[in-house]
Amino acid sequence: MALPALLRTAKAVLSSEPVRQSLPETGLERSANALRAQGLAKHFGELKAVDGIDLQVGQGELFGLLGPNGSGKTTTIHMLTTLTRPTLGSATVAGFDVCADPVSVRRQIGLVFQESALDRNLTVAENLHFAAALYMMPLALARLRTNELLRVFNLEAKRDVPVGRLSGGMRRAVDVARGVLHRPRVLFLDEPTLGLDPINRQALWQFIARLRREEQITVLITTHYLEEATACDQVAFLNAGRIIGRGTPGYLIKELGAYVLDIEGPDSDQIAARFEPRFGAGLKTHGKVSFRVAEEHFSISRLEAEIDPRVQAMHLRRPDLNDVYLWLIHGRLGHKEQGS
């Protein structure tokens, strides 16, 4: 269908009598969790893109699905949002089964893709109105929600501006506004801050926090920026289609150790051989060897007498989720799970 015809269809729906007096009822009362998956898998021939994962996300939680490209994050989201059917396993979202009742699942979710789903030739308001028409929202409710979200995202002055003329940060904000227009119970954000500058990334996270606070939305997010994921209530690390670690960010960081000791030098093998008996297996990355330090009151001055002259630099720092990811991905932590 051509663009003008699509717009006419949206405007016709918005101008007609309301199809529904309210948005669909949620099925959350059926389950204590907003999202649950058991043995969820997706195979493409011999390739196991997702290989039997279990997930449990409580109502109102912010859950981070983390991992490198090709780890299975986007495929997992596609299964949970009914865009692709699981090969094995089961999942429910907002109390509805993704295979048995996909239509009900779609009514309860919002989805923001890595790539924008907006029409760059339509204005901000027209994009939101068209989305409202697709959800068969009553005219009054569609107008109310559009105006409300334009205020939330500071886009009131841009309502009549074509999306193609907006900055990347503003377009991303419109994407999220479109995803929550119909008040979904569960919002999926696939790399929502990818390509944004730090200021717009921070602004988007503030929007997400506000939406959770004011709309009581459960959010599942994927992100490459692991420092952002510390805001999550729970995170799970995926690699090669499997969950290799999960828990609260605070728990995972604490379990890694009190500090990370980075030692740089020309011979990483010699550094590892020298300090691994004391600190355990080191992690070699980019010309340095990193060690986990368990002692809360450890001082780097203790090592000064033991340092080889060829060591170029030493740095003692607090660990973060990037460190957790690196140790997990290199198999140095095993399967780390909260409570295990």
Protein backbone atom coordinates (compact mmCIF):
# COMPACT_ATOMS: atom_id res chain seq x y z
CA MET A 1 0.00 0.00 0.00
CA ALA A 2 1.39 3.46 -0.93
CA LEU A 3 2.30 5.95 1.81
CA PRO A 4 -0.66 8.32 1.18
CA ALA A 5 -3.06 5.38 1.31
CA LEU A 6 -1.54 4.18 4.58
CA LEU A 7 -1.92 7.63 6.10
CA ARG A 8 -5.51 7.91 4.86
CA THR A 9 -6.26 4.53 6.45
CA ALA A 10 -4.82 5.63 9.77
CA LYS A 11 -6.72 8.93 9.69
CA ALA A 12 -9.93 7.13 8.75
CA VAL A 13 -9.64 4.80 11.70
CA LEU A 14 -8.84 7.68 14.05
CA SER A 15 -11.81 9.65 12.71
CA SER A 16 -14.27 6.78 13.08
CA GLU A 17 -16.26 5.72 16.11
CA PRO A 18 -14.14 3.92 18.74
CA VAL A 19 -13.85 0.22 18.11
CA ARG A 20 -13.12 -0.40 21.78
CA GLN A 21 -13.90 1.65 24.83
CA SER A 22 -10.65 0.62 26.51
CA LEU A 23 -7.44 -1.21 25.79
CA PRO A 24 -7.34 -5.03 26.08
CA GLU A 25 -7.38 -6.52 29.54
CA THR A 26 -4.09 -7.87 30.78
CA GLY A 27 -3.55 -11.53 31.54
CA LEU A 28 -1.05 -10.84 34.31
CA GLU A 29 -3.42 -12.11 36.95
CA ARG A 30 -2.76 -15.59 35.56
CA SER A 31 0.89 -15.48 36.52
CA ALA A 32 3.13 -13.97 39.19
CA ASN A 33 5.62 -13.11 36.45
CA ALA A 34 5.36 -10.65 33.59
CA LEU A 35 7.53 -12.98 31.53
CA ARG A 36 8.53 -16.60 31.89
CA ALA A 37 10.44 -18.92 29.56
CA GLN A 38 11.42 -22.55 30.05
CA GLY A 39 13.82 -24.42 27.78
CA LEU A 40 13.29 -21.81 25.08
CA ALA A 41 15.24 -22.66 21.91
CA LYS A 42 15.44 -21.62 18.28
CA HIS A 43 17.33 -23.72 15.73
CA PHE A 44 18.09 -22.81 12.14
CA GLY A 45 19.16 -26.13 10.73
CA GLU A 46 22.34 -27.08 12.56
CA LEU A 47 22.68 -23.60 14.07
CA LYS A 48 21.34 -23.32 17.62
CA ALA A 49 20.75 -19.56 17.82
CA VAL A 50 19.10 -19.98 21.24
CA ASP A 51 19.79 -23.23 23.01
CA GLY A 52 17.34 -23.90 25.84
CA ILE A 53 17.20 -20.86 28.11
CA ASP A 54 15.08 -20.20 31.20
CA LEU A 55 13.93 -16.70 32.08
CA GLN A 56 11.74 -15.25 34.81
CA VAL A 57 10.95 -11.54 34.97
CA GLY A 58 8.74 -10.09 37.70
CA GLN A 59 6.07 -7.49 37.14
CA GLY A 60 7.53 -3.99 36.95
CA GLU A 61 11.14 -5.20 36.71
CA LEU A 62 13.82 -3.83 34.44
CA PHE A 63 15.59 -6.91 33.06
CA GLY A 64 18.79 -6.77 31.02
CA LEU A 65 19.68 -9.42 28.44
CA LEU A 66 23.38 -8.97 27.78
CA GLY A 67 25.90 -10.53 25.44
CA PRO A 68 27.98 -10.05 22.27
CA ASN A 69 26.65 -9.94 18.73
CA GLY A 70 25.38 -13.36 17.72
CA SER A 71 24.78 -14.49 21.30
CA GLY A 72 21.02 -14.95 20.75
CA LYS A 73 19.60 -11.78 22.32
CA THR A 74 17.56 -10.58 19.34
CA THR A 75 16.36 -14.09 18.50
CA THR A 76 15.16 -14.45 22.09
CA ILE A 77 13.21 -11.20 21.82
CA HIS A 78 11.72 -12.32 18.50
CA MET A 79 10.40 -15.50 20.15
CA LEU A 80 9.02 -13.67 23.17
CA THR A 81 7.25 -11.12 20.96
CA THR A 82 5.80 -13.82 18.63
CA LEU A 83 7.84 -12.68 15.60
CA THR A 84 9.33 -16.16 15.33
CA ARG A 85 8.10 -19.47 16.70
CA PRO A 86 10.32 -21.36 19.17
CA THR A 87 11.78 -24.66 18.04
CA LEU A 88 11.58 -26.02 21.57
CA GLY A 89 10.39 -24.90 25.00
CA SER A 90 7.63 -22.57 26.12
CA ALA A 91 7.13 -18.95 27.14
CA THR A 92 4.40 -16.72 28.51
CA VAL A 93 4.30 -12.92 28.34
CA ALA A 94 1.80 -10.96 30.44
CA GLY A 95 0.18 -14.30 31.28
CA PHE A 96 -0.37 -15.41 27.67
CA ASP A 97 1.38 -18.23 25.85
CA VAL A 98 3.48 -16.99 22.92
CA CYS A 99 2.58 -20.04 20.79
CA ALA A 100 -0.99 -20.78 21.85
CA ASP A 101 -2.22 -17.16 22.08
CA PRO A 102 0.11 -14.87 20.08
CA VAL A 103 -2.60 -12.29 19.36
CA SER A 104 -3.16 -11.67 23.09
CA VAL A 105 0.60 -11.42 23.62
CA ARG A 106 0.88 -8.75 20.93
CA ARG A 107 -1.86 -6.70 22.57
CA GLN A 108 0.12 -6.60 25.81
CA ILE A 109 3.58 -5.73 24.53
CA GLY A 110 5.51 -2.84 23.07
CA LEU A 111 8.57 -3.44 20.91
CA VAL A 112 11.35 -1.07 19.91
CA PHE A 113 13.68 -2.62 17.35
CA GLN A 114 17.38 -1.91 16.82
CA GLU A 115 16.38 -0.24 13.54
CA SER A 116 13.73 2.45 13.68
CA ALA A 117 10.21 1.42 12.69
CA LEU A 118 9.15 5.02 12.04
CA ASP A 119 8.17 6.46 8.66
CA ARG A 120 10.69 9.25 8.07
CA ASN A 121 8.30 11.09 5.72
CA LEU A 122 5.52 11.39 8.28
CA THR A 123 5.57 13.89 11.12
CA VAL A 124 6.04 12.85 14.72
CA ALA A 125 2.31 13.16 15.44
CA GLU A 126 1.36 11.31 12.23
CA ASN A 127 3.63 8.40 13.16
CA LEU A 128 1.98 8.15 16.58
CA HIS A 129 -1.51 8.51 15.12
CA PHE A 130 -0.83 5.75 12.62
CA ALA A 131 0.40 3.47 15.41
CA ALA A 132 -2.73 4.28 17.41
CA ALA A 133 -4.87 3.29 14.42
CA LEU A 134 -3.11 -0.05 14.16
CA TYR A 135 -3.95 -0.70 17.81
CA MET A 136 -7.55 0.42 17.16
CA MET A 137 -7.33 2.96 19.96
CA PRO A 138 -10.38 5.21 20.42
CA LEU A 139 -9.91 8.68 18.95
CA ALA A 140 -10.01 10.52 22.28
CA LEU A 141 -7.56 8.11 23.87
CA ALA A 142 -5.21 8.29 20.88
CA ARG A 143 -5.10 12.09 21.06
CA LEU A 144 -4.66 12.05 24.82
CA ARG A 145 -1.78 9.55 24.73
CA THR A 146 -0.07 11.34 21.83
CA ASN A 147 -0.12 14.67 23.66
CA GLU A 148 0.95 13.02 26.91
CA LEU A 149 3.94 11.25 25.37
CA LEU A 150 5.05 14.32 23.43
CA ARG A 151 5.26 16.09 26.78
CA VAL A 152 7.09 13.18 28.45
CA PHE A 153 9.69 13.07 25.69
CA ASN A 154 9.97 16.86 25.29
CA LEU A 155 8.77 16.62 21.69
CA GLU A 156 5.83 19.04 21.73
CA ALA A 157 7.68 21.53 19.55
CA LYS A 158 8.47 18.75 17.06
CA ARG A 159 5.00 17.25 16.68
CA ASP A 160 4.56 18.56 13.11
CA VAL A 161 8.17 17.97 12.02
CA PRO A 162 8.88 15.02 9.67
CA VAL A 163 10.77 12.30 11.54
CA GLY A 164 13.52 12.34 8.91
CA ARG A 165 14.48 15.85 10.03
CA LEU A 166 14.94 14.90 13.69
CA SER A 167 18.24 14.13 15.41
CA GLY A 168 19.11 10.51 16.16
CA GLY A 169 18.24 10.98 19.82
CA MET A 170 14.86 12.50 19.04
CA ARG A 171 14.01 9.72 16.57
CA ARG A 172 14.88 7.14 19.22
CA ALA A 173 12.60 8.94 21.68
CA VAL A 174 9.75 8.80 19.13
CA ASP A 175 10.45 5.07 18.65
CA VAL A 176 10.03 4.49 22.38
CA ALA A 177 6.94 6.73 22.50
CA ARG A 178 5.43 4.66 19.68
CA GLY A 179 6.25 1.47 21.59
CA VAL A 180 4.39 2.57 24.74
CA LEU A 181 1.55 4.45 23.08
CA HIS A 182 -1.01 1.73 23.86
CA ARG A 183 0.16 1.28 27.46
CA PRO A 184 1.76 -2.17 27.08
CA ARG A 185 2.33 -4.31 30.14
CA VAL A 186 5.73 -5.46 28.87
CA LEU A 187 8.11 -3.33 26.80
CA PHE A 188 10.95 -4.87 24.77
CA LEU A 189 13.84 -2.58 23.88
CA ASP A 190 16.42 -4.11 21.55
CA GLU A 191 19.62 -2.01 21.74
CA PRO A 192 17.64 1.23 22.18
CA THR A 193 20.72 3.41 22.79
CA LEU A 194 22.85 2.01 19.96
CA GLY A 195 24.43 4.88 18.03
CA LEU A 196 23.31 7.58 20.47
CA ASP A 197 25.72 10.04 22.04
CA PRO A 198 26.18 9.91 25.85
CA ILE A 199 23.74 12.78 26.48
CA ASN A 200 20.94 11.16 24.49
CA ARG A 201 21.72 7.76 26.02
CA GLN A 202 21.33 9.23 29.49
CA ALA A 203 18.11 11.01 28.47
CA LEU A 204 16.65 7.78 27.11
CA TRP A 205 17.39 5.94 30.36
CA GLN A 206 15.66 8.74 32.25
CA PHE A 207 12.64 8.26 29.99
CA ILE A 208 12.64 4.52 30.71
CA ALA A 209 12.80 5.17 34.46
CA ARG A 210 9.90 7.60 34.20
CA LEU A 211 7.81 5.16 32.15
CA ARG A 212 8.38 2.43 34.72
CA ARG A 213 7.50 4.75 37.56
CA GLU A 214 4.40 6.31 35.97
CA GLU A 215 3.16 3.48 33.72
CA GLN A 216 4.23 0.45 35.84
CA ILE A 217 5.68 -1.19 32.72
CA THR A 218 7.92 -4.26 32.83
CA VAL A 219 10.94 -3.65 30.60
CA LEU A 220 13.27 -6.18 28.97
CA ILE A 221 16.27 -4.52 27.39
CA THR A 222 19.33 -5.60 25.43
CA THR A 223 22.38 -3.36 25.34
CA HIS A 224 26.02 -3.37 24.31
CA TYR A 225 26.77 -0.68 26.88
CA LEU A 226 27.21 -2.79 29.99
CA GLU A 227 27.70 0.21 32.26
CA GLU A 228 24.05 1.08 31.51
CA ALA A 229 22.87 -2.34 32.67
CA THR A 230 23.75 -1.57 36.30
CA ALA A 231 20.35 0.17 36.41
CA CYS A 232 18.62 -3.19 35.83
CA ASP A 233 16.95 -5.14 38.61
CA GLN A 234 18.24 -8.38 37.08
CA VAL A 235 20.58 -9.25 34.22
CA ALA A 236 21.36 -12.41 32.30
CA PHE A 237 24.47 -12.92 30.14
CA LEU A 238 24.00 -14.86 26.91
CA ASN A 239 26.76 -16.51 24.89
CA ALA A 240 26.30 -18.89 21.96
CA GLY A 241 22.59 -19.12 22.74
CA ARG A 242 23.03 -20.13 26.38
CA ILE A 243 22.76 -18.21 29.64
CA ILE A 244 26.20 -18.21 31.25
CA GLY A 245 25.41 -16.00 34.26
CA ARG A 246 22.53 -14.17 35.87
CA GLY A 247 21.55 -12.22 38.96
CA THR A 248 21.37 -8.66 40.20
CA PRO A 249 24.21 -6.44 38.93
CA GLY A 250 25.33 -5.85 42.52
CA TYR A 251 25.49 -9.56 43.29
CA LEU A 252 27.44 -10.44 40.14
CA ILE A 253 29.95 -7.64 40.68
CA LYS A 254 30.39 -8.51 44.35
CA GLU A 255 30.93 -12.19 43.54
CA LEU A 256 33.68 -11.29 41.08
CA GLY A 257 35.76 -9.77 43.86
CA ALA A 258 36.53 -6.64 45.82
CA TYR A 259 38.98 -5.35 43.22
CA VAL A 260 40.43 -6.06 39.80
CA LEU A 261 44.21 -5.75 39.51
CA ASP A 262 45.44 -4.86 36.00
CA ILE A 263 49.13 -5.41 35.24
CA GLU A 264 50.64 -4.33 31.92
CA GLY A 265 53.91 -5.59 30.52
CA PRO A 266 55.57 -7.02 27.40
CA ASP A 267 55.32 -10.63 28.58
CA SER A 268 51.78 -11.46 29.71
CA ASP A 269 52.64 -15.15 30.12
CA GLN A 270 55.38 -14.27 32.61
CA ILE A 271 53.05 -11.93 34.51
CA ALA A 272 50.40 -14.65 34.68
CA ALA A 273 52.91 -17.25 35.90
CA ARG A 274 54.20 -14.85 38.55
CA PHE A 275 50.85 -13.79 40.07
CA GLU A 276 48.38 -16.60 39.37
CA PRO A 277 49.58 -18.66 42.36
CA ARG A 278 48.57 -15.72 44.55
CA PHE A 279 45.39 -14.44 42.86
CA GLY A 280 44.15 -17.36 40.77
CA ALA A 281 43.70 -17.50 37.00
CA GLY A 282 44.33 -14.19 35.29
CA LEU A 283 42.57 -12.81 32.24
CA LYS A 284 44.77 -11.69 29.34
CA THR A 285 43.32 -8.85 27.28
CA HIS A 286 44.95 -6.19 25.12
CA GLY A 287 48.49 -6.40 26.48
CA LYS A 288 47.55 -6.71 30.13
CA VAL A 289 46.69 -9.40 32.63
CA SER A 290 43.82 -8.84 35.06
CA PHE A 291 43.39 -10.63 38.37
CA ARG A 292 40.47 -10.87 40.78
CA VAL A 293 41.30 -9.65 44.29
CA ALA A 294 39.04 -10.90 47.07
CA GLU A 295 40.50 -8.85 49.94
CA GLU A 296 38.49 -5.72 50.68
CA HIS A 297 41.47 -4.00 52.34
CA PHE A 298 44.08 -5.03 49.79
CA SER A 299 46.74 -2.43 48.98
CA ILE A 300 48.75 -2.37 45.79
CA SER A 301 51.79 -1.25 47.80
CA ARG A 302 52.16 -4.84 49.00
CA LEU A 303 53.32 -5.82 45.52
CA GLU A 304 55.87 -3.11 44.89
CA ALA A 305 58.81 -5.21 46.11
CA GLU A 306 57.71 -8.16 43.97
CA ILE A 307 57.22 -6.35 40.66
CA ASP A 308 59.48 -7.25 37.77
CA PRO A 309 61.21 -4.17 36.27
CA ARG A 310 59.63 -4.97 32.93
CA VAL A 311 56.12 -4.37 34.29
CA GLN A 312 54.94 -1.15 32.68
CA ALA A 313 51.89 -0.28 34.78
CA MET A 314 49.69 -1.55 37.61
CA HIS A 315 46.19 -0.41 38.44
CA LEU A 316 43.82 -1.48 41.21
CA ARG A 317 40.15 -0.70 40.60
CA ARG A 318 36.64 -1.73 41.55
CA PRO A 319 35.03 -4.30 39.21
CA ASP A 320 32.00 -3.61 37.04
CA LEU A 321 29.67 -5.55 34.74
CA ASN A 322 32.21 -5.36 31.93
CA ASP A 323 34.59 -7.38 34.10
CA VAL A 324 31.85 -9.88 34.95
CA TYR A 325 31.14 -10.27 31.24
CA LEU A 326 34.80 -10.79 30.34
CA TRP A 327 35.38 -13.43 33.02
CA LEU A 328 32.18 -15.23 32.09
CA ILE A 329 32.78 -15.13 28.35
CA HIS A 330 36.29 -16.52 28.80
CA GLY A 331 34.98 -19.30 31.01
CA ARG A 332 36.80 -18.07 34.11
CA LEU A 333 33.74 -17.85 36.37
CA GLY A 334 31.76 -20.86 35.26
CA HIS A 335 27.98 -20.48 35.26
CA LYS A 336 27.44 -17.76 37.83
CA GLU A 337 23.88 -17.49 39.08
CA GLN A 338 22.47 -15.69 42.08
CA GLY A 339 21.82 -18.03 44.95
CA SER A 340 23.95 -20.82 43.47
